[in-house]
Amino acid sequence: MAGLKLVCVLALCLLVVSPTATTAITCGDVSTKMAGCVRYLQNGGALPGPCCNGVRALNGMARTTPDRQTACRCLQNAAKSIPNIKPNLAETLPGKCGVNIPYKISTSTNCNSVR
């Protein structure tokens, strides 16, 4: 019985001391948040509200360097796989949505250098 109490106390200590787990960003997250931007990025015109909401949400999710690097790679892969994306619209999208990101959205960006 004393052994069980010791195990429970140790488990509780681990829960209190261990850092809060964070979920790493995925390309699925990026795709979901940016889905509202695809038509705009292909055709231009009026910037849809859901697009900027997604840009802001994605920016809020990408708080760590690894998350920003992953988001960068996912954005590059999406730009290569979605036809007719206009690079100039992609580059200016964060600013138009009132978001400041620490790198240029471009297929030429070195995502490993993103901090």
C-alpha atoms as a PDB file:
ATOM      1  CA  MET A   1       0.000   0.000   0.000  1.00  0.00           C
ATOM      2  CA  ALA A   2       2.851   2.385   0.808  1.00  0.00           C
ATOM      3  CA  GLY A   3       4.344   1.607  -2.619  1.00  0.00           C
ATOM      4  CA  LEU A   4       1.104   2.606  -4.344  1.00  0.00           C
ATOM      5  CA  LYS A   5       1.024   5.897  -2.441  1.00  0.00           C
ATOM      6  CA  LEU A   6       4.627   6.589  -3.442  1.00  0.00           C
ATOM      7  CA  VAL A   7       3.821   5.917  -7.106  1.00  0.00           C
ATOM      8  CA  CYS A   8       0.803   8.238  -6.940  1.00  0.00           C
ATOM      9  CA  VAL A   9       2.860  11.011  -5.315  1.00  0.00           C
ATOM     10  CA  LEU A  10       5.602  10.650  -7.933  1.00  0.00           C
ATOM     11  CA  ALA A  11       3.043  10.710 -10.751  1.00  0.00           C
ATOM     12  CA  LEU A  12       1.477  13.860  -9.300  1.00  0.00           C
ATOM     13  CA  CYS A  13       4.912  15.495  -9.037  1.00  0.00           C
ATOM     14  CA  LEU A  14       5.624  14.699 -12.673  1.00  0.00           C
ATOM     15  CA  LEU A  15       2.349  16.291 -13.720  1.00  0.00           C
ATOM     16  CA  VAL A  16       3.086  19.436 -11.727  1.00  0.00           C
ATOM     17  CA  VAL A  17       6.726  19.759 -12.775  1.00  0.00           C
ATOM     18  CA  SER A  18       6.565  18.716 -16.429  1.00  0.00           C
ATOM     19  CA  PRO A  19       5.977  21.506 -18.930  1.00  0.00           C
ATOM     20  CA  THR A  20       2.625  21.868 -20.561  1.00  0.00           C
ATOM     21  CA  ALA A  21       2.507  19.860 -23.748  1.00  0.00           C
ATOM     22  CA  THR A  22       2.144  21.881 -26.901  1.00  0.00           C
ATOM     23  CA  THR A  23       0.801  20.568 -30.132  1.00  0.00           C
ATOM     24  CA  ALA A  24       3.073  21.080 -33.098  1.00  0.00           C
ATOM     25  CA  ILE A  25       1.527  22.747 -36.111  1.00  0.00           C
ATOM     26  CA  THR A  26       0.778  20.487 -39.078  1.00  0.00           C
ATOM     27  CA  CYS A  27       0.254  21.034 -42.796  1.00  0.00           C
ATOM     28  CA  GLY A  28      -3.360  20.063 -42.165  1.00  0.00           C
ATOM     29  CA  ASP A  29      -3.640  23.022 -39.782  1.00  0.00           C
ATOM     30  CA  VAL A  30      -2.104  25.314 -42.379  1.00  0.00           C
ATOM     31  CA  SER A  31      -4.410  24.030 -45.135  1.00  0.00           C
ATOM     32  CA  THR A  32      -7.487  24.431 -42.980  1.00  0.00           C
ATOM     33  CA  LYS A  33      -6.608  27.973 -41.917  1.00  0.00           C
ATOM     34  CA  MET A  34      -5.638  29.080 -45.418  1.00  0.00           C
ATOM     35  CA  ALA A  35      -8.506  27.438 -47.335  1.00  0.00           C
ATOM     36  CA  GLY A  36     -10.457  30.700 -47.357  1.00  0.00           C
ATOM     37  CA  CYS A  37      -7.603  32.405 -49.208  1.00  0.00           C
ATOM     38  CA  VAL A  38      -7.196  30.114 -52.227  1.00  0.00           C
ATOM     39  CA  ARG A  39      -9.585  31.896 -54.602  1.00  0.00           C
ATOM     40  CA  TYR A  40      -8.168  35.275 -53.625  1.00  0.00           C
ATOM     41  CA  LEU A  41      -4.616  34.023 -54.196  1.00  0.00           C
ATOM     42  CA  GLN A  42      -5.609  32.722 -57.629  1.00  0.00           C
ATOM     43  CA  ASN A  43      -7.777  35.581 -58.837  1.00  0.00           C
ATOM     44  CA  GLY A  44      -7.170  38.646 -56.665  1.00  0.00           C
ATOM     45  CA  GLY A  45     -10.110  40.952 -56.021  1.00  0.00           C
ATOM     46  CA  ALA A  46     -11.700  41.567 -52.646  1.00  0.00           C
ATOM     47  CA  LEU A  47      -9.980  39.920 -49.719  1.00  0.00           C
ATOM     48  CA  PRO A  48     -12.461  37.554 -48.022  1.00  0.00           C
ATOM     49  CA  GLY A  49     -12.932  37.922 -44.265  1.00  0.00           C
ATOM     50  CA  PRO A  50     -12.493  34.195 -43.610  1.00  0.00           C
ATOM     51  CA  CYS A  51      -9.092  34.412 -45.311  1.00  0.00           C
ATOM     52  CA  CYS A  52      -7.754  37.017 -42.898  1.00  0.00           C
ATOM     53  CA  ASN A  53      -9.317  35.177 -39.977  1.00  0.00           C
ATOM     54  CA  GLY A  54      -7.350  32.111 -41.059  1.00  0.00           C
ATOM     55  CA  VAL A  55      -4.125  34.095 -41.512  1.00  0.00           C
ATOM     56  CA  ARG A  56      -4.475  35.549 -38.014  1.00  0.00           C
ATOM     57  CA  ALA A  57      -5.317  32.158 -36.511  1.00  0.00           C
ATOM     58  CA  LEU A  58      -2.351  30.523 -38.216  1.00  0.00           C
ATOM     59  CA  ASN A  59      -0.053  33.281 -37.019  1.00  0.00           C
ATOM     60  CA  GLY A  60      -1.326  32.715 -33.481  1.00  0.00           C
ATOM     61  CA  MET A  61      -0.644  28.987 -33.752  1.00  0.00           C
ATOM     62  CA  ALA A  62       2.912  29.378 -35.077  1.00  0.00           C
ATOM     63  CA  ARG A  63       4.605  30.735 -31.962  1.00  0.00           C
ATOM     64  CA  THR A  64       7.794  28.659 -31.910  1.00  0.00           C
ATOM     65  CA  THR A  65      10.602  28.543 -34.445  1.00  0.00           C
ATOM     66  CA  PRO A  66       9.842  24.918 -35.410  1.00  0.00           C
ATOM     67  CA  ASP A  67       6.160  25.787 -35.882  1.00  0.00           C
ATOM     68  CA  ARG A  68       7.012  28.809 -38.059  1.00  0.00           C
ATOM     69  CA  GLN A  69       9.404  26.686 -40.127  1.00  0.00           C
ATOM     70  CA  THR A  70       6.744  24.016 -40.568  1.00  0.00           C
ATOM     71  CA  ALA A  71       4.162  26.620 -41.567  1.00  0.00           C
ATOM     72  CA  CYS A  72       6.640  28.059 -44.066  1.00  0.00           C
ATOM     73  CA  ARG A  73       7.237  24.647 -45.660  1.00  0.00           C
ATOM     74  CA  CYS A  74       3.528  23.860 -45.748  1.00  0.00           C
ATOM     75  CA  LEU A  75       2.768  27.189 -47.416  1.00  0.00           C
ATOM     76  CA  GLN A  76       5.479  26.544 -50.006  1.00  0.00           C
ATOM     77  CA  ASN A  77       4.162  23.065 -50.754  1.00  0.00           C
ATOM     78  CA  ALA A  78       0.620  24.391 -51.060  1.00  0.00           C
ATOM     79  CA  ALA A  79       1.766  27.145 -53.427  1.00  0.00           C
ATOM     80  CA  LYS A  80       3.408  24.520 -55.637  1.00  0.00           C
ATOM     81  CA  SER A  81       0.410  22.194 -55.642  1.00  0.00           C
ATOM     82  CA  ILE A  82      -2.435  24.694 -56.087  1.00  0.00           C
ATOM     83  CA  PRO A  83      -2.653  25.940 -59.670  1.00  0.00           C
ATOM     84  CA  ASN A  84      -2.495  29.617 -60.605  1.00  0.00           C
ATOM     85  CA  ILE A  85      -1.391  31.027 -57.237  1.00  0.00           C
ATOM     86  CA  LYS A  86      -0.154  34.581 -57.800  1.00  0.00           C
ATOM     87  CA  PRO A  87       3.098  35.023 -55.854  1.00  0.00           C
ATOM     88  CA  ASN A  88       2.643  38.775 -55.354  1.00  0.00           C
ATOM     89  CA  LEU A  89      -0.740  38.213 -53.696  1.00  0.00           C
ATOM     90  CA  ALA A  90       0.739  35.559 -51.405  1.00  0.00           C
ATOM     91  CA  GLU A  91       3.633  37.824 -50.399  1.00  0.00           C
ATOM     92  CA  THR A  92       1.357  40.727 -49.464  1.00  0.00           C
ATOM     93  CA  LEU A  93      -1.366  38.668 -47.797  1.00  0.00           C
ATOM     94  CA  PRO A  94      -0.118  38.891 -44.183  1.00  0.00           C
ATOM     95  CA  GLY A  95       0.203  42.676 -44.341  1.00  0.00           C
ATOM     96  CA  LYS A  96      -3.240  43.052 -45.902  1.00  0.00           C
ATOM     97  CA  CYS A  97      -4.636  41.020 -43.008  1.00  0.00           C
ATOM     98  CA  GLY A  98      -2.779  43.136 -40.433  1.00  0.00           C
ATOM     99  CA  VAL A  99      -0.348  40.373 -39.508  1.00  0.00           C
ATOM    100  CA  ASN A 100       3.408  40.754 -39.258  1.00  0.00           C
ATOM    101  CA  ILE A 101       5.301  37.525 -39.878  1.00  0.00           C
ATOM    102  CA  PRO A 102       9.084  37.169 -39.636  1.00  0.00           C
ATOM    103  CA  TYR A 103       9.597  35.895 -43.171  1.00  0.00           C
ATOM    104  CA  LYS A 104       8.509  36.477 -46.751  1.00  0.00           C
ATOM    105  CA  ILE A 105       5.825  34.128 -48.091  1.00  0.00           C
ATOM    106  CA  SER A 106       7.538  32.861 -51.197  1.00  0.00           C
ATOM    107  CA  THR A 107       8.576  29.575 -52.733  1.00  0.00           C
ATOM    108  CA  SER A 108      12.138  30.954 -52.662  1.00  0.00           C
ATOM    109  CA  THR A 109      12.179  31.532 -48.882  1.00  0.00           C
ATOM    110  CA  ASN A 110      14.667  29.327 -47.015  1.00  0.00           C
ATOM    111  CA  CYS A 111      12.344  27.941 -44.346  1.00  0.00           C
ATOM    112  CA  ASN A 112      15.312  26.672 -42.338  1.00  0.00           C
ATOM    113  CA  SER A 113      16.357  30.283 -41.708  1.00  0.00           C
ATOM    114  CA  VAL A 114      12.898  31.290 -40.407  1.00  0.00           C
ATOM    115  CA  ARG A 115      13.032  32.182 -36.728  1.00  0.00           C
END
